[in-house]
Amino acid sequence: SRQWLISEEGRIIIGEGRMEILENIEKTGSLNRTARIMKMSYKGVWSKIKVTEDYLKVKLVATDKKRGSELTREGKELLEKYNQLKERCLKADDKLFREIFG
């Protein structure tokens, strides 16, 4: 299964794609490298981050021309919480699957 957090307007707050964006920023320290790795435009990556930041009213990614990009404390917390949600949902899905299908 897949998990998404969706706003009341139906916009994605976080899901697999945004999780991958945040993880790649954390690994590479770069929005440009993240965009290349994910075969997306820089604008596409940045706009997905901004939608989530605007909805949550927190800064998820800090950018600096000299140091590059990094997740803020809130960005790291969101990534951690999403990963916890995903892990727990998958465990629950496995249990339900076994109950239904044996």
C-alpha atoms as a PDB file:
ATOM      1  CA  SER A   1       0.000   0.000   0.000  1.00  0.00           C
ATOM      2  CA  ARG A   2       0.964   3.639  -0.272  1.00  0.00           C
ATOM      3  CA  GLN A   3       0.348   6.441   2.137  1.00  0.00           C
ATOM      4  CA  TRP A   4      -0.352  10.100   1.401  1.00  0.00           C
ATOM      5  CA  LEU A   5      -1.266  12.964   3.655  1.00  0.00           C
ATOM      6  CA  ILE A   6      -3.752  15.095   1.729  1.00  0.00           C
ATOM      7  CA  SER A   7      -5.096  18.583   2.469  1.00  0.00           C
ATOM      8  CA  GLU A   8      -8.797  19.361   2.653  1.00  0.00           C
ATOM      9  CA  GLU A   9      -8.488  20.677  -0.919  1.00  0.00           C
ATOM     10  CA  GLY A  10      -7.079  17.354  -2.114  1.00  0.00           C
ATOM     11  CA  ARG A  11      -3.468  18.534  -2.486  1.00  0.00           C
ATOM     12  CA  ILE A  12      -0.670  16.187  -1.481  1.00  0.00           C
ATOM     13  CA  ILE A  13       1.139  17.275   1.665  1.00  0.00           C
ATOM     14  CA  ILE A  14       3.535  14.334   1.712  1.00  0.00           C
ATOM     15  CA  GLY A  15       3.699  10.979   0.028  1.00  0.00           C
ATOM     16  CA  GLU A  16       6.302   8.708  -1.530  1.00  0.00           C
ATOM     17  CA  GLY A  17       7.559  11.346  -3.967  1.00  0.00           C
ATOM     18  CA  ARG A  18       7.981  14.117  -1.411  1.00  0.00           C
ATOM     19  CA  MET A  19       9.574  11.650   0.980  1.00  0.00           C
ATOM     20  CA  GLU A  20      12.101  10.802  -1.732  1.00  0.00           C
ATOM     21  CA  ILE A  21      12.746  14.511  -2.392  1.00  0.00           C
ATOM     22  CA  LEU A  22      13.461  15.153   1.289  1.00  0.00           C
ATOM     23  CA  GLU A  23      15.661  12.056   1.575  1.00  0.00           C
ATOM     24  CA  ASN A  24      17.686  13.088  -1.485  1.00  0.00           C
ATOM     25  CA  ILE A  25      18.153  16.628  -0.190  1.00  0.00           C
ATOM     26  CA  GLU A  26      19.380  15.128   3.077  1.00  0.00           C
ATOM     27  CA  LYS A  27      21.830  12.846   1.225  1.00  0.00           C
ATOM     28  CA  THR A  28      23.112  15.265  -1.411  1.00  0.00           C
ATOM     29  CA  GLY A  29      22.787  18.672   0.247  1.00  0.00           C
ATOM     30  CA  SER A  30      21.557  20.000  -3.092  1.00  0.00           C
ATOM     31  CA  LEU A  31      18.226  20.774  -4.726  1.00  0.00           C
ATOM     32  CA  ASN A  32      19.889  20.625  -8.167  1.00  0.00           C
ATOM     33  CA  ARG A  33      21.340  17.151  -7.559  1.00  0.00           C
ATOM     34  CA  THR A  34      18.026  16.016  -6.094  1.00  0.00           C
ATOM     35  CA  ALA A  35      16.232  17.201  -9.224  1.00  0.00           C
ATOM     36  CA  ARG A  36      18.734  15.383 -11.481  1.00  0.00           C
ATOM     37  CA  ILE A  37      18.547  12.160  -9.457  1.00  0.00           C
ATOM     38  CA  MET A  38      14.753  12.222  -9.609  1.00  0.00           C
ATOM     39  CA  LYS A  39      14.662  13.282 -13.278  1.00  0.00           C
ATOM     40  CA  MET A  40      12.667  16.379 -12.370  1.00  0.00           C
ATOM     41  CA  SER A  41      13.185  20.061 -12.959  1.00  0.00           C
ATOM     42  CA  TYR A  42      14.591  22.209 -10.168  1.00  0.00           C
ATOM     43  CA  LYS A  43      11.320  24.174 -10.264  1.00  0.00           C
ATOM     44  CA  GLY A  44       9.305  20.961  -9.928  1.00  0.00           C
ATOM     45  CA  VAL A  45      11.251  19.877  -6.848  1.00  0.00           C
ATOM     46  CA  TRP A  46      11.085  23.330  -5.284  1.00  0.00           C
ATOM     47  CA  SER A  47       7.355  23.754  -5.964  1.00  0.00           C
ATOM     48  CA  LYS A  48       6.515  20.445  -4.251  1.00  0.00           C
ATOM     49  CA  ILE A  49       8.523  21.512  -1.209  1.00  0.00           C
ATOM     50  CA  LYS A  50       6.813  24.926  -1.166  1.00  0.00           C
ATOM     51  CA  VAL A  51       3.300  23.418  -1.326  1.00  0.00           C
ATOM     52  CA  THR A  52       4.086  21.281   1.720  1.00  0.00           C
ATOM     53  CA  GLU A  53       5.772  24.162   3.562  1.00  0.00           C
ATOM     54  CA  ASP A  54       2.858  26.493   2.851  1.00  0.00           C
ATOM     55  CA  TYR A  55       0.314  23.972   4.083  1.00  0.00           C
ATOM     56  CA  LEU A  56       2.231  23.092   7.259  1.00  0.00           C
ATOM     57  CA  LYS A  57       3.359  26.707   7.794  1.00  0.00           C
ATOM     58  CA  VAL A  58       6.944  25.612   8.509  1.00  0.00           C
ATOM     59  CA  LYS A  59      10.223  25.745   6.631  1.00  0.00           C
ATOM     60  CA  LEU A  60      11.329  22.227   5.643  1.00  0.00           C
ATOM     61  CA  VAL A  61      14.429  23.037   3.610  1.00  0.00           C
ATOM     62  CA  ALA A  62      17.057  25.672   4.338  1.00  0.00           C
ATOM     63  CA  THR A  63      19.077  26.871   1.364  1.00  0.00           C
ATOM     64  CA  ASP A  64      22.355  28.750   1.344  1.00  0.00           C
ATOM     65  CA  LYS A  65      24.387  29.647  -1.752  1.00  0.00           C
ATOM     66  CA  LYS A  66      27.635  28.586  -0.075  1.00  0.00           C
ATOM     67  CA  ARG A  67      26.496  25.593   1.997  1.00  0.00           C
ATOM     68  CA  GLY A  68      23.783  24.215  -0.290  1.00  0.00           C
ATOM     69  CA  SER A  69      20.496  22.833   0.994  1.00  0.00           C
ATOM     70  CA  GLU A  70      19.599  20.911   4.111  1.00  0.00           C
ATOM     71  CA  LEU A  71      16.516  19.797   5.946  1.00  0.00           C
ATOM     72  CA  THR A  72      15.456  21.939   8.857  1.00  0.00           C
ATOM     73  CA  ARG A  73      14.553  20.347  12.178  1.00  0.00           C
ATOM     74  CA  GLU A  74      10.910  20.417  11.022  1.00  0.00           C
ATOM     75  CA  GLY A  75      11.862  18.798   7.718  1.00  0.00           C
ATOM     76  CA  LYS A  76      13.674  15.992   9.504  1.00  0.00           C
ATOM     77  CA  GLU A  77      10.733  15.524  11.888  1.00  0.00           C
ATOM     78  CA  LEU A  78       8.243  15.349   9.007  1.00  0.00           C
ATOM     79  CA  LEU A  79      10.386  12.764   7.229  1.00  0.00           C
ATOM     80  CA  GLU A  80      10.708  10.696  10.421  1.00  0.00           C
ATOM     81  CA  LYS A  81       6.974  10.857  11.180  1.00  0.00           C
ATOM     82  CA  TYR A  82       6.057   9.941   7.610  1.00  0.00           C
ATOM     83  CA  ASN A  83       8.415   6.962   7.741  1.00  0.00           C
ATOM     84  CA  GLN A  84       6.824   5.858  11.041  1.00  0.00           C
ATOM     85  CA  LEU A  85       3.351   6.151   9.496  1.00  0.00           C
ATOM     86  CA  LYS A  86       4.429   4.167   6.454  1.00  0.00           C
ATOM     87  CA  GLU A  87       6.047   1.425   8.552  1.00  0.00           C
ATOM     88  CA  ARG A  88       3.021   1.040  10.847  1.00  0.00           C
ATOM     89  CA  CYS A  89       0.579   1.038   7.936  1.00  0.00           C
ATOM     90  CA  LEU A  90       2.560  -1.679   6.157  1.00  0.00           C
ATOM     91  CA  LYS A  91       2.570  -3.841   9.308  1.00  0.00           C
ATOM     92  CA  ALA A  92      -1.186  -3.365   9.690  1.00  0.00           C
ATOM     93  CA  ASP A  93      -1.687  -4.150   5.993  1.00  0.00           C
ATOM     94  CA  ASP A  94       0.309  -7.364   6.318  1.00  0.00           C
ATOM     95  CA  LYS A  95      -1.752  -8.435   9.327  1.00  0.00           C
ATOM     96  CA  LEU A  96      -5.053  -7.700   7.569  1.00  0.00           C
ATOM     97  CA  PHE A  97      -3.884  -9.476   4.429  1.00  0.00           C
ATOM     98  CA  ARG A  98      -3.034 -12.615   6.393  1.00  0.00           C
ATOM     99  CA  GLU A  99      -6.395 -12.485   8.218  1.00  0.00           C
ATOM    100  CA  ILE A 100      -8.333 -12.155   4.971  1.00  0.00           C
ATOM    101  CA  PHE A 101      -6.321 -14.330   2.602  1.00  0.00           C
ATOM    102  CA  GLY A 102      -4.695 -16.717   5.047  1.00  0.00           C
END
